[in-house]
């Protein structure tokens, strides 16, 4: 008889737990998914962030509800029931904290993407926001368990100095990252070159390091403290457009007025026809050197951003070489004239 009672209670408990779990799955797949589809049709992206923050949490809540229902159904010793209820309460608070962390981080990233020039779209601020929400969640858990928060805060204040000394490098990178972001001198998406030679697009600035993607599609990871103290050339400040200098040399026998006219005509064509060039820019040249075998000058072009200089230079050199050949303008080879003097005397 006792076995039948035990078996029936066990089946009831498992039914409640499994039923709560599957109820959470149904809510996740039907209700949350339906609301998410509706949110995608709206113009405000914030509702997608809110709905997306409940991803897989609803299933967990259903599982917790099933366990809680099982606890209420079966009579357990008071101490065990109290312990299980506290565990469920902690798990519920932590799960709600996770949802709030997702919402807060999502809205920080949304604001950063819209308020360009005020808050850069980096993971640093989103991670700090999530950390603050997590700390608040832990404090709520402690308060719910009857643990006084005041002594904990006092202990954290006293131990803060020891933690700061132990985490000097980590904290220096954290505050250096905040300084880099706040100064707006290096932003995600900028093309920069360090004094040590590394260069590429800034992909992200997080709490510890800055990630740079180089032209060969390799990644350079730089600690924020080193980046803050490095000499950096930012090719996107004060604006993305930049001048491109191309060095050219022509023969001494060339008509320099004709050379200038032909070169500028080719440069104008390149500016208007090659993607990345600035059509409204008026290219120009400047003669600067009587070299050993040529008269050298610089052609000044304009491109929309750093990477555009390569196709623009490529096409300009091709077209200029073809045009010079058609106009009879010579690009001389290196030449050396050697005079030999016979110093021998007849005896």
Protein backbone atom coordinates (compact mmCIF):
# COMPACT_ATOMS: atom_id res chain seq x y z
CA UNK A 1 0.00 0.00 0.00
CA UNK A 2 2.75 2.43 0.91
CA UNK A 3 4.45 1.70 -2.41
CA UNK A 4 1.37 2.72 -4.34
CA UNK A 5 1.17 5.99 -2.39
CA UNK A 6 4.86 6.66 -2.99
CA UNK A 7 4.51 5.88 -6.69
CA UNK A 8 1.49 8.14 -7.10
CA UNK A 9 3.23 11.03 -5.36
CA UNK A 10 6.33 10.53 -7.48
CA UNK A 11 4.27 10.52 -10.66
CA UNK A 12 2.49 13.67 -9.50
CA UNK A 13 5.75 15.44 -8.75
CA UNK A 14 7.29 14.47 -12.08
CA UNK A 15 4.12 15.48 -13.87
CA UNK A 16 4.18 18.94 -12.30
CA UNK A 17 7.87 19.49 -13.04
CA UNK A 18 7.69 18.15 -16.61
CA UNK A 19 4.37 19.93 -17.17
CA UNK A 20 5.87 23.25 -16.06
CA UNK A 21 8.87 22.67 -18.32
CA UNK A 22 6.73 21.95 -21.39
CA UNK A 23 4.41 24.84 -20.53
CA UNK A 24 7.46 27.10 -20.62
CA UNK A 25 8.46 25.66 -24.01
CA UNK A 26 4.97 26.30 -25.38
CA UNK A 27 5.01 29.89 -24.09
CA UNK A 28 8.48 30.37 -25.59
CA UNK A 29 7.57 28.95 -29.01
CA UNK A 30 4.09 30.42 -29.30
CA UNK A 31 3.63 33.54 -27.19
CA UNK A 32 7.16 34.96 -27.09
CA UNK A 33 7.86 34.05 -30.72
CA UNK A 34 4.56 35.63 -31.80
CA UNK A 35 5.24 38.82 -29.88
CA UNK A 36 8.76 38.89 -31.37
CA UNK A 37 7.32 38.73 -34.91
CA UNK A 38 4.98 41.60 -34.08
CA UNK A 39 7.88 43.60 -32.65
CA UNK A 40 9.83 43.23 -35.88
CA UNK A 41 7.07 45.02 -37.76
CA UNK A 42 7.28 48.13 -35.61
CA UNK A 43 9.64 51.00 -36.33
CA UNK A 44 10.99 51.19 -32.77
CA UNK A 45 13.77 48.58 -32.29
CA UNK A 46 13.46 48.78 -28.51
CA UNK A 47 10.56 46.33 -28.39
CA UNK A 48 12.70 43.72 -30.17
CA UNK A 49 15.35 44.17 -27.49
CA UNK A 50 12.80 43.71 -24.71
CA UNK A 51 11.15 40.64 -26.24
CA UNK A 52 14.50 39.13 -27.24
CA UNK A 53 15.71 39.43 -23.66
CA UNK A 54 13.22 36.73 -22.61
CA UNK A 55 14.85 34.18 -24.91
CA UNK A 56 15.05 30.78 -23.13
CA UNK A 57 14.17 32.42 -19.79
CA UNK A 58 10.46 31.63 -20.11
CA UNK A 59 11.28 27.91 -20.32
CA UNK A 60 13.36 28.21 -17.16
CA UNK A 61 10.54 30.04 -15.38
CA UNK A 62 8.12 27.30 -16.38
CA UNK A 63 10.53 24.73 -14.94
CA UNK A 64 10.78 26.69 -11.67
CA UNK A 65 6.99 27.01 -11.52
CA UNK A 66 6.64 23.26 -11.91
CA UNK A 67 9.10 22.63 -9.07
CA UNK A 68 7.33 25.17 -6.86
CA UNK A 69 3.96 23.53 -7.58
CA UNK A 70 5.46 20.17 -6.65
CA UNK A 71 6.74 21.58 -3.36
CA UNK A 72 3.29 22.96 -2.49
CA UNK A 73 1.58 19.72 -3.44
CA UNK A 74 3.74 17.35 -1.41
CA UNK A 75 4.10 17.84 2.29
CA UNK A 76 7.79 18.09 3.15
CA UNK A 77 9.59 18.78 6.42
CA UNK A 78 9.55 22.50 7.20
CA UNK A 79 13.31 22.95 7.01
CA UNK A 80 13.59 21.21 3.63
CA UNK A 81 10.61 23.10 2.22
CA UNK A 82 12.05 26.39 3.45
CA UNK A 83 15.44 25.58 1.88
CA UNK A 84 13.89 24.65 -1.47
CA UNK A 85 11.78 27.81 -1.51
CA UNK A 86 14.86 29.94 -0.87
CA UNK A 87 16.75 28.19 -3.67
CA UNK A 88 13.84 28.80 -6.05
CA UNK A 89 13.66 32.44 -4.95
CA UNK A 90 17.37 32.95 -5.62
CA UNK A 91 17.10 31.32 -9.05
CA UNK A 92 14.05 33.46 -9.91
CA UNK A 93 15.77 36.69 -8.86
CA UNK A 94 18.92 35.78 -10.82
CA UNK A 95 16.88 34.96 -13.91
CA UNK A 96 15.05 38.29 -13.68
CA UNK A 97 18.44 39.97 -13.24
CA UNK A 98 19.64 38.28 -16.43
CA UNK A 99 16.62 39.67 -18.32
CA UNK A 100 17.26 43.18 -16.99
CA UNK A 101 20.96 42.86 -17.91
CA UNK A 102 20.02 41.96 -21.48
CA UNK A 103 17.53 44.82 -21.73
CA UNK A 104 19.97 47.37 -20.27
CA UNK A 105 22.86 46.26 -22.47
CA UNK A 106 20.63 46.24 -25.55
CA UNK A 107 19.35 49.76 -24.93
CA UNK A 108 22.89 51.04 -24.31
CA UNK A 109 23.99 49.62 -27.66
CA UNK A 110 20.85 51.02 -29.33
CA UNK A 111 21.48 54.49 -27.92
CA UNK A 112 25.14 54.31 -28.93
CA UNK A 113 24.25 53.40 -32.51
CA UNK A 114 21.77 56.26 -32.77
CA UNK A 115 23.65 58.94 -30.83
CA UNK A 116 26.75 58.80 -33.02
CA UNK A 117 29.27 61.33 -31.84
CA UNK A 118 28.04 61.21 -28.23
CA UNK A 119 28.44 57.59 -27.16
CA UNK A 120 30.50 55.21 -29.32
CA UNK A 121 29.15 51.76 -30.08
CA UNK A 122 31.59 49.72 -27.99
CA UNK A 123 30.98 46.78 -25.66
CA UNK A 124 32.65 48.56 -22.74
CA UNK A 125 29.68 50.67 -21.64
CA UNK A 126 27.24 47.82 -22.24
CA UNK A 127 29.36 45.47 -20.11
CA UNK A 128 29.66 48.03 -17.32
CA UNK A 129 25.88 48.48 -17.35
CA UNK A 130 25.35 44.71 -17.18
CA UNK A 131 27.83 44.48 -14.32
CA UNK A 132 25.99 47.15 -12.33
CA UNK A 133 22.66 45.39 -12.87
CA UNK A 134 24.22 42.08 -11.79
CA UNK A 135 25.59 43.65 -8.60
CA UNK A 136 22.15 45.07 -7.81
CA UNK A 137 20.65 41.61 -8.41
CA UNK A 138 23.14 40.02 -6.00
CA UNK A 139 22.25 42.62 -3.35
CA UNK A 140 18.56 41.86 -3.84
CA UNK A 141 19.29 38.15 -3.42
CA UNK A 142 21.15 38.79 -0.16
CA UNK A 143 18.37 41.01 1.13
CA UNK A 144 15.78 38.37 0.21
CA UNK A 145 17.71 35.74 2.14
CA UNK A 146 17.69 37.94 5.22
CA UNK A 147 21.35 38.86 4.97
CA UNK A 148 21.99 42.49 5.85
CA UNK A 149 23.47 44.36 2.91
CA UNK A 150 25.14 47.09 5.00
CA UNK A 151 27.95 44.90 6.41
CA UNK A 152 28.54 43.50 2.93
CA UNK A 153 28.92 46.99 1.49
CA UNK A 154 31.22 47.94 4.36
CA UNK A 155 33.36 44.86 3.74
CA UNK A 156 33.51 45.66 0.05
CA UNK A 157 34.62 49.19 0.84
CA UNK A 158 37.37 47.99 3.16
CA UNK A 159 38.48 45.26 0.76
CA UNK A 160 38.31 47.57 -2.24
CA UNK A 161 41.85 48.82 -1.69
CA UNK A 162 43.25 45.29 -1.61
CA UNK A 163 41.31 44.35 -4.72
CA UNK A 164 42.50 47.50 -6.50
CA UNK A 165 46.13 46.68 -5.69
CA UNK A 166 45.70 43.09 -6.86
CA UNK A 167 43.99 44.17 -10.10
CA UNK A 168 46.18 47.13 -11.02
CA UNK A 169 46.69 46.05 -14.64
CA UNK A 170 43.02 45.19 -15.15
CA UNK A 171 41.81 48.46 -13.64
CA UNK A 172 44.37 50.50 -15.57
CA UNK A 173 43.12 48.93 -18.81
CA UNK A 174 39.51 49.56 -17.76
CA UNK A 175 39.99 53.26 -17.01
CA UNK A 176 42.26 53.68 -20.04
CA UNK A 177 39.47 52.24 -22.20
CA UNK A 178 36.96 54.65 -20.67
CA UNK A 179 39.38 57.53 -21.31
CA UNK A 180 39.91 56.49 -24.94
CA UNK A 181 36.16 56.28 -25.54
CA UNK A 182 35.36 59.52 -23.72
CA UNK A 183 38.03 61.48 -25.60
CA UNK A 184 36.43 60.49 -28.96
CA UNK A 185 39.90 60.38 -30.53
CA UNK A 186 39.66 56.67 -31.36
CA UNK A 187 36.28 55.20 -32.26
CA UNK A 188 35.09 51.83 -33.53
CA UNK A 189 35.29 51.82 -37.31
CA UNK A 190 38.21 54.28 -37.48
CA UNK A 191 41.35 53.37 -39.41
CA UNK A 192 44.37 54.02 -37.21
CA UNK A 193 48.12 53.47 -37.30
CA UNK A 194 50.17 53.04 -34.15
CA UNK A 195 53.65 54.42 -33.66
CA UNK A 196 54.91 50.82 -33.56
CA UNK A 197 53.63 50.21 -37.10
CA UNK A 198 50.41 48.25 -36.55
CA UNK A 199 47.45 49.63 -38.46
CA UNK A 200 43.87 48.70 -39.26
CA UNK A 201 40.21 49.28 -38.48
CA UNK A 202 39.17 49.55 -34.84
CA UNK A 203 36.59 46.82 -34.30
CA UNK A 204 35.86 47.17 -30.59
CA UNK A 205 37.05 48.69 -27.31
CA UNK A 206 36.17 46.50 -24.34
CA UNK A 207 37.07 46.56 -20.65
CA UNK A 208 40.57 45.17 -21.21
CA UNK A 209 41.79 45.69 -24.77
CA UNK A 210 41.13 47.21 -28.16
CA UNK A 211 40.73 44.97 -31.21
CA UNK A 212 42.11 46.14 -34.56
CA UNK A 213 41.47 44.32 -37.84
CA UNK A 214 44.39 44.77 -40.21
CA UNK A 215 44.15 44.94 -44.01
CA UNK A 216 45.26 41.26 -44.43
CA UNK A 217 42.23 40.39 -42.22
CA UNK A 218 44.38 39.61 -39.19
CA UNK A 219 43.52 40.83 -35.71
CA UNK A 220 45.76 42.89 -33.43
CA UNK A 221 44.79 43.02 -29.74
CA UNK A 222 46.20 45.99 -27.83
CA UNK A 223 45.80 46.56 -24.08
CA UNK A 224 43.91 49.79 -23.49
CA UNK A 225 46.66 51.18 -21.26
CA UNK A 226 49.22 50.85 -24.05
CA UNK A 227 46.83 52.34 -26.60
CA UNK A 228 46.14 55.35 -24.36
CA UNK A 229 49.88 56.11 -24.13
CA UNK A 230 50.77 55.30 -27.75
CA UNK A 231 51.30 57.70 -30.65
CA UNK A 232 48.31 57.07 -32.91
CA UNK A 233 47.47 58.40 -36.36
CA UNK A 234 43.72 58.37 -36.95
CA UNK A 235 42.93 58.51 -40.67
CA UNK A 236 39.25 59.20 -39.96
CA UNK A 237 39.79 62.44 -38.04
CA UNK A 238 38.89 65.19 -38.52
CA UNK A 239 37.09 63.52 -41.46
CA UNK A 240 37.26 60.32 -43.49
CA UNK A 241 38.21 61.99 -46.77
CA UNK A 242 41.95 62.16 -47.24
CA UNK A 243 44.49 63.31 -49.82
CA UNK A 244 46.54 60.78 -51.76
CA UNK A 245 49.98 61.75 -53.02
CA UNK A 246 51.41 60.02 -56.10
CA UNK A 247 55.04 60.66 -57.04
CA UNK A 248 55.81 60.94 -60.78
CA UNK A 249 58.93 61.79 -62.78
CA UNK A 250 59.26 62.89 -66.44
CA UNK A 251 62.17 63.47 -68.77
CA UNK A 252 64.07 66.77 -68.79
CA UNK A 253 63.09 67.13 -72.45
CA UNK A 254 59.38 67.21 -71.59
CA UNK A 255 57.12 70.24 -71.98
CA UNK A 256 56.16 70.77 -68.34
CA UNK A 257 52.99 72.72 -69.17
CA UNK A 258 51.80 69.85 -71.34
CA UNK A 259 52.75 67.34 -68.65
CA UNK A 260 50.69 69.26 -66.11
CA UNK A 261 47.67 69.52 -68.40
CA UNK A 262 47.69 65.82 -69.37
CA UNK A 263 48.27 64.64 -65.81
CA UNK A 264 45.40 66.71 -64.42
CA UNK A 265 43.05 65.47 -67.16
CA UNK A 266 43.82 61.86 -66.24
CA UNK A 267 43.45 62.63 -62.53
CA UNK A 268 40.02 64.22 -63.13
CA UNK A 269 38.87 61.14 -65.01
CA UNK A 270 40.00 58.89 -62.17
CA UNK A 271 38.29 61.06 -59.56
CA UNK A 272 34.97 60.84 -61.42
CA UNK A 273 35.05 57.25 -62.67
CA UNK A 274 36.83 55.16 -60.05
CA UNK A 275 34.80 54.17 -56.97
CA UNK A 276 36.27 55.79 -53.88
CA UNK A 277 37.41 58.95 -55.62
CA UNK A 278 35.91 62.34 -54.78
CA UNK A 279 34.37 63.65 -58.05
CA UNK A 280 34.07 67.27 -56.89
CA UNK A 281 37.75 67.47 -55.91
CA UNK A 282 40.03 69.35 -58.30
CA UNK A 283 43.34 67.43 -58.51
CA UNK A 284 46.59 69.32 -58.95
CA UNK A 285 50.32 68.71 -59.29
CA UNK A 286 53.39 70.37 -57.79
CA UNK A 287 56.86 70.14 -59.31
CA UNK A 288 59.47 69.86 -56.60
CA UNK A 289 62.79 68.25 -57.62
CA UNK A 290 65.43 68.36 -60.36
CA UNK A 291 66.50 64.77 -59.87
CA UNK A 292 69.42 62.91 -61.45
CA UNK A 293 67.50 61.74 -64.50
CA UNK A 294 64.00 63.27 -64.23
CA UNK A 295 61.97 66.23 -63.09
CA UNK A 296 59.84 64.95 -60.22
CA UNK A 297 56.43 66.15 -59.12
CA UNK A 298 53.59 65.14 -56.82
CA UNK A 299 50.03 64.50 -57.97
CA UNK A 300 47.44 65.25 -55.29
CA UNK A 301 44.25 63.15 -55.45
CA UNK A 302 41.36 62.77 -52.99
CA UNK A 303 39.61 59.62 -51.74
CA UNK A 304 36.63 59.03 -49.48
CA UNK A 305 38.47 56.88 -46.92
CA UNK A 306 41.82 55.20 -46.30
CA UNK A 307 41.22 51.92 -48.13
CA UNK A 308 40.03 53.73 -51.29
CA UNK A 309 43.54 55.00 -52.01
CA UNK A 310 44.69 51.62 -53.32
CA UNK A 311 42.22 51.18 -56.21
CA UNK A 312 42.46 54.90 -57.03
CA UNK A 313 46.27 54.81 -57.19
CA UNK A 314 46.15 51.59 -59.19
CA UNK A 315 43.83 52.99 -61.83
CA UNK A 316 45.56 56.38 -61.97
CA UNK A 317 48.99 54.88 -62.65
CA UNK A 318 47.58 52.61 -65.36
CA UNK A 319 45.75 55.44 -67.12
CA UNK A 320 48.60 57.91 -66.75
CA UNK A 321 51.13 55.48 -68.22
CA UNK A 322 48.84 54.81 -71.20
CA UNK A 323 48.15 58.53 -71.74
CA UNK A 324 51.84 59.48 -71.49
CA UNK A 325 52.66 56.88 -74.13
CA UNK A 326 50.01 58.35 -76.43
CA UNK A 327 51.19 61.92 -75.85
CA UNK A 328 54.87 61.12 -76.28
CA UNK A 329 55.77 62.06 -72.72
CA UNK A 330 58.74 60.05 -71.50
CA UNK A 331 59.06 58.52 -68.06
CA UNK A 332 62.84 58.00 -68.03
CA UNK A 333 64.75 55.02 -66.72
CA UNK A 334 67.48 55.69 -64.16
CA UNK A 335 70.41 57.12 -66.10
CA UNK A 336 74.04 57.66 -65.18
CA UNK A 337 76.51 59.40 -67.50
CA UNK A 338 80.09 58.29 -66.90
CA UNK A 339 83.08 60.27 -68.22
CA UNK A 340 86.37 58.43 -68.55
CA UNK A 341 89.59 60.35 -68.56
CA UNK A 342 92.79 58.78 -69.87
CA UNK A 343 95.47 59.79 -67.38
CA UNK A 344 98.27 57.70 -68.93
CA UNK A 345 101.04 59.63 -70.69
CA UNK A 346 103.22 58.48 -73.51
CA UNK A 347 106.79 57.88 -72.53
